[in-house]
Amino acid sequence: MPGTVTMYSTTWCGYCRRLKGQLDREGIAYTEIDIEQDPSAVALVEAANDGNRTVPTVVVAPEGGTEVTMTNPSLAQVKQALHA
């Protein structure tokens, strides 16, 4: 699929594991960033979630489109954002 997907997550997040499994099964490539290991990622997640460290926070940048940040999106929402 065109574009990029970046998932901000933690090792203990069940919602993150579920979405990663779904993306893997669909063959959608993504970059995963563990916010507990990357302090700069915490700032992005907090900015996107009214100061909360809510994961998964996913940034989708479709090729030629506008970047979208989503909190705990479904697989369908990620796919839709990739095609926007």
PDB file of N, CA and C in Angstrom:
ATOM      1  N   MET A   1       0.834  -1.180   0.000  1.00  0.00           N
ATOM      2  CA  MET A   1       0.000   0.000   0.000  1.00  0.00           C
ATOM      3  C   MET A   1       0.880   1.245   0.000  1.00  0.00           C
ATOM      4  N   PRO A   2       0.433   2.273  -0.683  1.00  0.00           N
ATOM      5  CA  PRO A   2       1.218   3.498  -0.696  1.00  0.00           C
ATOM      6  C   PRO A   2       1.122   4.230   0.634  1.00  0.00           C
ATOM      7  N   GLY A   3       2.178   4.958   0.956  1.00  0.00           N
ATOM      8  CA  GLY A   3       2.173   5.721   2.192  1.00  0.00           C
ATOM      9  C   GLY A   3       2.878   4.999   3.316  1.00  0.00           C
ATOM     10  N   THR A   4       2.868   5.633   4.489  1.00  0.00           N
ATOM     11  CA  THR A   4       3.542   5.054   5.641  1.00  0.00           C
ATOM     12  C   THR A   4       2.608   5.011   6.839  1.00  0.00           C
ATOM     13  N   VAL A   5       2.864   4.042   7.702  1.00  0.00           N
ATOM     14  CA  VAL A   5       2.119   3.888   8.946  1.00  0.00           C
ATOM     15  C   VAL A   5       3.135   3.819  10.072  1.00  0.00           C
ATOM     16  N   THR A   6       2.959   4.656  11.086  1.00  0.00           N
ATOM     17  CA  THR A   6       3.811   4.628  12.267  1.00  0.00           C
ATOM     18  C   THR A   6       2.914   4.402  13.471  1.00  0.00           C
ATOM     19  N   MET A   7       3.231   3.366  14.247  1.00  0.00           N
ATOM     20  CA  MET A   7       2.437   3.040  15.433  1.00  0.00           C
ATOM     21  C   MET A   7       3.264   3.320  16.685  1.00  0.00           C
ATOM     22  N   TYR A   8       2.720   4.157  17.542  1.00  0.00           N
ATOM     23  CA  TYR A   8       3.323   4.440  18.843  1.00  0.00           C
ATOM     24  C   TYR A   8       2.647   3.514  19.841  1.00  0.00           C
ATOM     25  N   SER A   9       3.458   2.717  20.550  1.00  0.00           N
ATOM     26  CA  SER A   9       2.898   1.657  21.381  1.00  0.00           C
ATOM     27  C   SER A   9       3.733   1.446  22.634  1.00  0.00           C
ATOM     28  N   THR A  10       3.337   0.419  23.394  1.00  0.00           N
ATOM     29  CA  THR A  10       4.116  -0.076  24.522  1.00  0.00           C
ATOM     30  C   THR A  10       4.121  -1.606  24.423  1.00  0.00           C
ATOM     31  N   THR A  11       5.009  -2.238  25.159  1.00  0.00           N
ATOM     32  CA  THR A  11       5.094  -3.700  25.109  1.00  0.00           C
ATOM     33  C   THR A  11       3.905  -4.365  25.780  1.00  0.00           C
ATOM     34  N   TRP A  12       3.267  -3.677  26.723  1.00  0.00           N
ATOM     35  CA  TRP A  12       2.193  -4.284  27.514  1.00  0.00           C
ATOM     36  C   TRP A  12       0.791  -4.001  26.974  1.00  0.00           C
ATOM     37  N   CYS A  13       0.673  -3.269  25.892  1.00  0.00           N
ATOM     38  CA  CYS A  13      -0.626  -2.829  25.375  1.00  0.00           C
ATOM     39  C   CYS A  13      -1.285  -3.911  24.514  1.00  0.00           C
ATOM     40  N   GLY A  14      -2.396  -4.441  24.995  1.00  0.00           N
ATOM     41  CA  GLY A  14      -3.138  -5.456  24.250  1.00  0.00           C
ATOM     42  C   GLY A  14      -3.735  -4.928  22.958  1.00  0.00           C
ATOM     43  N   TYR A  15      -4.215  -3.689  22.967  1.00  0.00           N
ATOM     44  CA  TYR A  15      -4.772  -3.091  21.752  1.00  0.00           C
ATOM     45  C   TYR A  15      -3.692  -2.931  20.688  1.00  0.00           C
ATOM     46  N   CYS A  16      -2.473  -2.626  21.125  1.00  0.00           N
ATOM     47  CA  CYS A  16      -1.344  -2.504  20.199  1.00  0.00           C
ATOM     48  C   CYS A  16      -1.035  -3.861  19.565  1.00  0.00           C
ATOM     49  N   ARG A  17      -0.983  -4.905  20.387  1.00  0.00           N
ATOM     50  CA  ARG A  17      -0.705  -6.249  19.868  1.00  0.00           C
ATOM     51  C   ARG A  17      -1.766  -6.673  18.863  1.00  0.00           C
ATOM     52  N   ARG A  18      -3.033  -6.376  19.169  1.00  0.00           N
ATOM     53  CA  ARG A  18      -4.116  -6.747  18.258  1.00  0.00           C
ATOM     54  C   ARG A  18      -3.963  -6.042  16.913  1.00  0.00           C
ATOM     55  N   LEU A  19      -3.737  -4.733  16.936  1.00  0.00           N
ATOM     56  CA  LEU A  19      -3.616  -3.985  15.687  1.00  0.00           C
ATOM     57  C   LEU A  19      -2.379  -4.420  14.904  1.00  0.00           C
ATOM     58  N   LYS A  20      -1.264  -4.681  15.591  1.00  0.00           N
ATOM     59  CA  LYS A  20      -0.061  -5.152  14.897  1.00  0.00           C
ATOM     60  C   LYS A  20      -0.340  -6.472  14.188  1.00  0.00           C
ATOM     61  N   GLY A  21      -1.034  -7.384  14.856  1.00  0.00           N
ATOM     62  CA  GLY A  21      -1.377  -8.666  14.239  1.00  0.00           C
ATOM     63  C   GLY A  21      -2.249  -8.486  13.014  1.00  0.00           C
ATOM     64  N   GLN A  22      -3.216  -7.580  13.094  1.00  0.00           N
ATOM     65  CA  GLN A  22      -4.098  -7.325  11.960  1.00  0.00           C
ATOM     66  C   GLN A  22      -3.326  -6.712  10.795  1.00  0.00           C
ATOM     67  N   LEU A  23      -2.456  -5.759  11.087  1.00  0.00           N
ATOM     68  CA  LEU A  23      -1.646  -5.149  10.031  1.00  0.00           C
ATOM     69  C   LEU A  23      -0.731  -6.186   9.387  1.00  0.00           C
ATOM     70  N   ASP A  24      -0.127  -7.042  10.210  1.00  0.00           N
ATOM     71  CA  ASP A  24       0.745  -8.096   9.686  1.00  0.00           C
ATOM     72  C   ASP A  24      -0.032  -9.028   8.757  1.00  0.00           C
ATOM     73  N   ARG A  25      -1.227  -9.464   9.175  1.00  0.00           N
ATOM     74  CA  ARG A  25      -2.032 -10.369   8.348  1.00  0.00           C
ATOM     75  C   ARG A  25      -2.441  -9.733   7.020  1.00  0.00           C
ATOM     76  N   GLU A  26      -2.636  -8.432   7.030  1.00  0.00           N
ATOM     77  CA  GLU A  26      -3.045  -7.712   5.810  1.00  0.00           C
ATOM     78  C   GLU A  26      -1.840  -7.312   4.949  1.00  0.00           C
ATOM     79  N   GLY A  27      -0.633  -7.527   5.467  1.00  0.00           N
ATOM     80  CA  GLY A  27       0.567  -7.164   4.711  1.00  0.00           C
ATOM     81  C   GLY A  27       0.827  -5.665   4.677  1.00  0.00           C
ATOM     82  N   ILE A  28       0.325  -4.953   5.666  1.00  0.00           N
ATOM     83  CA  ILE A  28       0.529  -3.501   5.738  1.00  0.00           C
ATOM     84  C   ILE A  28       1.771  -3.241   6.582  1.00  0.00           C
ATOM     85  N   ALA A  29       2.773  -2.676   5.949  1.00  0.00           N
ATOM     86  CA  ALA A  29       4.027  -2.385   6.647  1.00  0.00           C
ATOM     87  C   ALA A  29       3.835  -1.193   7.588  1.00  0.00           C
ATOM     88  N   TYR A  30       4.527  -1.231   8.718  1.00  0.00           N
ATOM     89  CA  TYR A  30       4.451  -0.142   9.682  1.00  0.00           C
ATOM     90  C   TYR A  30       5.751  -0.063  10.459  1.00  0.00           C
ATOM     91  N   THR A  31       5.986   1.097  11.004  1.00  0.00           N
ATOM     92  CA  THR A  31       7.111   1.310  11.901  1.00  0.00           C
ATOM     93  C   THR A  31       6.534   1.413  13.298  1.00  0.00           C
ATOM     94  N   GLU A  32       7.101   0.657  14.220  1.00  0.00           N
ATOM     95  CA  GLU A  32       6.621   0.689  15.599  1.00  0.00           C
ATOM     96  C   GLU A  32       7.609   1.449  16.470  1.00  0.00           C
ATOM     97  N   ILE A  33       7.096   2.347  17.298  1.00  0.00           N
ATOM     98  CA  ILE A  33       7.922   3.109  18.220  1.00  0.00           C
ATOM     99  C   ILE A  33       7.371   2.901  19.627  1.00  0.00           C
ATOM    100  N   ASP A  34       8.201   2.340  20.502  1.00  0.00           N
ATOM    101  CA  ASP A  34       7.822   2.096  21.896  1.00  0.00           C
ATOM    102  C   ASP A  34       8.019   3.394  22.670  1.00  0.00           C
ATOM    103  N   ILE A  35       6.920   3.976  23.143  1.00  0.00           N
ATOM    104  CA  ILE A  35       7.025   5.278  23.807  1.00  0.00           C
ATOM    105  C   ILE A  35       7.760   5.195  25.142  1.00  0.00           C
ATOM    106  N   GLU A  36       7.880   4.007  25.691  1.00  0.00           N
ATOM    107  CA  GLU A  36       8.630   3.867  26.942  1.00  0.00           C
ATOM    108  C   GLU A  36      10.134   3.870  26.706  1.00  0.00           C
ATOM    109  N   GLN A  37      10.541   3.699  25.459  1.00  0.00           N
ATOM    110  CA  GLN A  37      11.959   3.695  25.104  1.00  0.00           C
ATOM    111  C   GLN A  37      12.379   4.972  24.376  1.00  0.00           C
ATOM    112  N   ASP A  38      11.417   5.763  23.924  1.00  0.00           N
ATOM    113  CA  ASP A  38      11.710   6.952  23.122  1.00  0.00           C
ATOM    114  C   ASP A  38      10.977   8.165  23.704  1.00  0.00           C
ATOM    115  N   PRO A  39      11.670   8.954  24.538  1.00  0.00           N
ATOM    116  CA  PRO A  39      11.028  10.101  25.188  1.00  0.00           C
ATOM    117  C   PRO A  39      10.417  11.106  24.208  1.00  0.00           C
ATOM    118  N   SER A  40      11.011  11.277  23.040  1.00  0.00           N
ATOM    119  CA  SER A  40      10.451  12.232  22.081  1.00  0.00           C
ATOM    120  C   SER A  40       9.103  11.748  21.548  1.00  0.00           C
ATOM    121  N   ALA A  41       8.903  10.438  21.533  1.00  0.00           N
ATOM    122  CA  ALA A  41       7.635   9.884  21.073  1.00  0.00           C
ATOM    123  C   ALA A  41       6.518  10.159  22.072  1.00  0.00           C
ATOM    124  N   VAL A  42       6.859  10.222  23.348  1.00  0.00           N
ATOM    125  CA  VAL A  42       5.862  10.512  24.380  1.00  0.00           C
ATOM    126  C   VAL A  42       5.212  11.863  24.107  1.00  0.00           C
ATOM    127  N   ALA A  43       5.998  12.846  23.736  1.00  0.00           N
ATOM    128  CA  ALA A  43       5.472  14.190  23.467  1.00  0.00           C
ATOM    129  C   ALA A  43       4.472  14.160  22.320  1.00  0.00           C
ATOM    130  N   LEU A  44       4.765  13.404  21.272  1.00  0.00           N
ATOM    131  CA  LEU A  44       3.845  13.310  20.143  1.00  0.00           C
ATOM    132  C   LEU A  44       2.536  12.662  20.572  1.00  0.00           C
ATOM    133  N   VAL A  45       2.626  11.575  21.318  1.00  0.00           N
ATOM    134  CA  VAL A  45       1.425  10.862  21.765  1.00  0.00           C
ATOM    135  C   VAL A  45       0.593  11.752  22.690  1.00  0.00           C
ATOM    136  N   GLU A  46       1.231  12.422  23.609  1.00  0.00           N
ATOM    137  CA  GLU A  46       0.501  13.304  24.523  1.00  0.00           C
ATOM    138  C   GLU A  46      -0.152  14.460  23.763  1.00  0.00           C
ATOM    139  N   ALA A  47       0.530  15.014  22.783  1.00  0.00           N
ATOM    140  CA  ALA A  47      -0.037  16.110  21.992  1.00  0.00           C
ATOM    141  C   ALA A  47      -1.265  15.655  21.217  1.00  0.00           C
ATOM    142  N   ALA A  48      -1.245  14.428  20.752  1.00  0.00           N
ATOM    143  CA  ALA A  48      -2.363  13.897  19.963  1.00  0.00           C
ATOM    144  C   ALA A  48      -3.544  13.478  20.827  1.00  0.00           C
ATOM    145  N   ASN A  49      -3.318  13.300  22.130  1.00  0.00           N
ATOM    146  CA  ASN A  49      -4.342  12.728  23.009  1.00  0.00           C
ATOM    147  C   ASN A  49      -4.615  13.579  24.245  1.00  0.00           C
ATOM    148  N   ASP A  50      -4.651  14.884  24.065  1.00  0.00           N
ATOM    149  CA  ASP A  50      -4.993  15.809  25.153  1.00  0.00           C
ATOM    150  C   ASP A  50      -4.170  15.582  26.418  1.00  0.00           C
ATOM    151  N   GLY A  51      -2.875  15.316  26.235  1.00  0.00           N
ATOM    152  CA  GLY A  51      -1.976  15.136  27.373  1.00  0.00           C
ATOM    153  C   GLY A  51      -1.889  13.715  27.897  1.00  0.00           C
ATOM    154  N   ASN A  52      -2.664  12.803  27.323  1.00  0.00           N
ATOM    155  CA  ASN A  52      -2.655  11.407  27.768  1.00  0.00           C
ATOM    156  C   ASN A  52      -1.687  10.570  26.937  1.00  0.00           C
ATOM    157  N   ARG A  53      -1.162   9.538  27.564  1.00  0.00           N
ATOM    158  CA  ARG A  53      -0.258   8.609  26.870  1.00  0.00           C
ATOM    159  C   ARG A  53      -1.055   7.406  26.371  1.00  0.00           C
ATOM    160  N   THR A  54      -1.978   7.665  25.478  1.00  0.00           N
ATOM    161  CA  THR A  54      -2.869   6.630  24.969  1.00  0.00           C
ATOM    162  C   THR A  54      -2.238   5.944  23.767  1.00  0.00           C
ATOM    163  N   VAL A  55      -2.161   4.631  23.837  1.00  0.00           N
ATOM    164  CA  VAL A  55      -1.633   3.838  22.730  1.00  0.00           C
ATOM    165  C   VAL A  55      -2.629   2.734  22.381  1.00  0.00           C
ATOM    166  N   PRO A  56      -2.659   2.277  21.152  1.00  0.00           N
ATOM    167  CA  PRO A  56      -1.816   2.748  20.067  1.00  0.00           C
ATOM    168  C   PRO A  56      -2.274   4.094  19.525  1.00  0.00           C
ATOM    169  N   THR A  57      -1.306   4.949  19.288  1.00  0.00           N
ATOM    170  CA  THR A  57      -1.517   6.161  18.513  1.00  0.00           C
ATOM    171  C   THR A  57      -0.834   5.891  17.186  1.00  0.00           C
ATOM    172  N   VAL A  58      -1.583   6.072  16.114  1.00  0.00           N
ATOM    173  CA  VAL A  58      -1.093   5.709  14.783  1.00  0.00           C
ATOM    174  C   VAL A  58      -1.091   6.937  13.891  1.00  0.00           C
ATOM    175  N   VAL A  59       0.033   7.143  13.214  1.00  0.00           N
ATOM    176  CA  VAL A  59       0.153   8.231  12.247  1.00  0.00           C
ATOM    177  C   VAL A  59       0.226   7.598  10.861  1.00  0.00           C
ATOM    178  N   VAL A  60      -0.732   7.962  10.013  1.00  0.00           N
ATOM    179  CA  VAL A  60      -0.778   7.453   8.646  1.00  0.00           C
ATOM    180  C   VAL A  60      -0.500   8.611   7.704  1.00  0.00           C
ATOM    181  N   ALA A  61       0.472   8.412   6.828  1.00  0.00           N
ATOM    182  CA  ALA A  61       0.822   9.422   5.825  1.00  0.00           C
ATOM    183  C   ALA A  61       0.637   8.790   4.451  1.00  0.00           C
ATOM    184  N   PRO A  62      -0.541   8.980   3.845  1.00  0.00           N
ATOM    185  CA  PRO A  62      -0.766   8.408   2.525  1.00  0.00           C
ATOM    186  C   PRO A  62       0.095   9.120   1.489  1.00  0.00           C
ATOM    187  N   GLU A  63       0.520   8.369   0.505  1.00  0.00           N
ATOM    188  CA  GLU A  63       1.344   8.953  -0.546  1.00  0.00           C
ATOM    189  C   GLU A  63       0.555  10.055  -1.253  1.00  0.00           C
ATOM    190  N   GLY A  64       1.075  11.272  -1.210  1.00  0.00           N
ATOM    191  CA  GLY A  64       0.414  12.389  -1.857  1.00  0.00           C
ATOM    192  C   GLY A  64      -0.786  12.937  -1.096  1.00  0.00           C
ATOM    193  N   GLY A  65      -1.037  12.422   0.122  1.00  0.00           N
ATOM    194  CA  GLY A  65      -2.196  12.861   0.893  1.00  0.00           C
ATOM    195  C   GLY A  65      -1.798  13.579   2.161  1.00  0.00           C
ATOM    196  N   THR A  66      -2.770  13.831   2.998  1.00  0.00           N
ATOM    197  CA  THR A  66      -2.566  14.532   4.253  1.00  0.00           C
ATOM    198  C   THR A  66      -2.379  13.544   5.400  1.00  0.00           C
ATOM    199  N   GLU A  67      -1.356  13.763   6.204  1.00  0.00           N
ATOM    200  CA  GLU A  67      -1.072  12.907   7.354  1.00  0.00           C
ATOM    201  C   GLU A  67      -2.230  12.949   8.351  1.00  0.00           C
ATOM    202  N   VAL A  68      -2.570  11.769   8.891  1.00  0.00           N
ATOM    203  CA  VAL A  68      -3.663  11.632   9.840  1.00  0.00           C
ATOM    204  C   VAL A  68      -3.142  10.937  11.088  1.00  0.00           C
ATOM    205  N   THR A  69      -3.510  11.461  12.265  1.00  0.00           N
ATOM    206  CA  THR A  69      -3.153  10.826  13.534  1.00  0.00           C
ATOM    207  C   THR A  69      -4.424  10.267  14.148  1.00  0.00           C
ATOM    208  N   MET A  70      -4.388   8.985  14.536  1.00  0.00           N
ATOM    209  CA  MET A  70      -5.559   8.308  15.094  1.00  0.00           C
ATOM    210  C   MET A  70      -5.188   7.625  16.396  1.00  0.00           C
ATOM    211  N   THR A  71      -6.144   7.558  17.313  1.00  0.00           N
ATOM    212  CA  THR A  71      -5.958   6.865  18.580  1.00  0.00           C
ATOM    213  C   THR A  71      -6.757   5.577  18.564  1.00  0.00           C
ATOM    214  N   ASN A  72      -6.066   4.465  18.801  1.00  0.00           N
ATOM    215  CA  ASN A  72      -6.675   3.133  18.835  1.00  0.00           C
ATOM    216  C   ASN A  72      -7.606   2.898  17.643  1.00  0.00           C
ATOM    217  N   PRO A  73      -7.068   3.077  16.416  1.00  0.00           N
ATOM    218  CA  PRO A  73      -7.919   2.900  15.247  1.00  0.00           C
ATOM    219  C   PRO A  73      -8.167   1.428  14.941  1.00  0.00           C
ATOM    220  N   SER A  74      -9.215   1.177  14.192  1.00  0.00           N
ATOM    221  CA  SER A  74      -9.465  -0.169  13.679  1.00  0.00           C
ATOM    222  C   SER A  74      -8.607  -0.375  12.435  1.00  0.00           C
ATOM    223  N   LEU A  75      -8.490  -1.617  12.020  1.00  0.00           N
ATOM    224  CA  LEU A  75      -7.780  -1.919  10.789  1.00  0.00           C
ATOM    225  C   LEU A  75      -8.437  -1.186   9.622  1.00  0.00           C
ATOM    226  N   ALA A  76      -9.760  -1.163   9.586  1.00  0.00           N
ATOM    227  CA  ALA A  76     -10.482  -0.490   8.497  1.00  0.00           C
ATOM    228  C   ALA A  76     -10.143   1.001   8.454  1.00  0.00           C
ATOM    229  N   GLN A  77     -10.013   1.628   9.617  1.00  0.00           N
ATOM    230  CA  GLN A  77      -9.678   3.056   9.653  1.00  0.00           C
ATOM    231  C   GLN A  77      -8.267   3.308   9.123  1.00  0.00           C
ATOM    232  N   VAL A  78      -7.335   2.427   9.455  1.00  0.00           N
ATOM    233  CA  VAL A  78      -5.965   2.571   8.951  1.00  0.00           C
ATOM    234  C   VAL A  78      -5.955   2.413   7.434  1.00  0.00           C
ATOM    235  N   LYS A  79      -6.648   1.406   6.938  1.00  0.00           N
ATOM    236  CA  LYS A  79      -6.708   1.183   5.496  1.00  0.00           C
ATOM    237  C   LYS A  79      -7.335   2.364   4.779  1.00  0.00           C
ATOM    238  N   GLN A  80      -8.400   2.902   5.342  1.00  0.00           N
ATOM    239  CA  GLN A  80      -9.064   4.053   4.735  1.00  0.00           C
ATOM    240  C   GLN A  80      -8.135   5.257   4.694  1.00  0.00           C
ATOM    241  N   ALA A  81      -7.406   5.498   5.776  1.00  0.00           N
ATOM    242  CA  ALA A  81      -6.477   6.638   5.835  1.00  0.00           C
ATOM    243  C   ALA A  81      -5.346   6.473   4.821  1.00  0.00           C
ATOM    244  N   LEU A  82      -4.901   5.246   4.577  1.00  0.00           N
ATOM    245  CA  LEU A  82      -3.848   5.012   3.595  1.00  0.00           C
ATOM    246  C   LEU A  82      -4.301   5.358   2.187  1.00  0.00           C
ATOM    247  N   HIS A  83      -5.577   5.224   1.938  1.00  0.00           N
ATOM    248  CA  HIS A  83      -6.106   5.489   0.601  1.00  0.00           C
ATOM    249  C   HIS A  83      -6.671   6.898   0.451  1.00  0.00           C
ATOM    250  N   ALA A  84      -6.554   7.727   1.478  1.00  0.00           N
ATOM    251  CA  ALA A  84      -7.120   9.084   1.425  1.00  0.00           C
ATOM    252  C   ALA A  84      -6.314   9.981   0.528  1.00  0.00           C
TER     253      ALA A  84
END
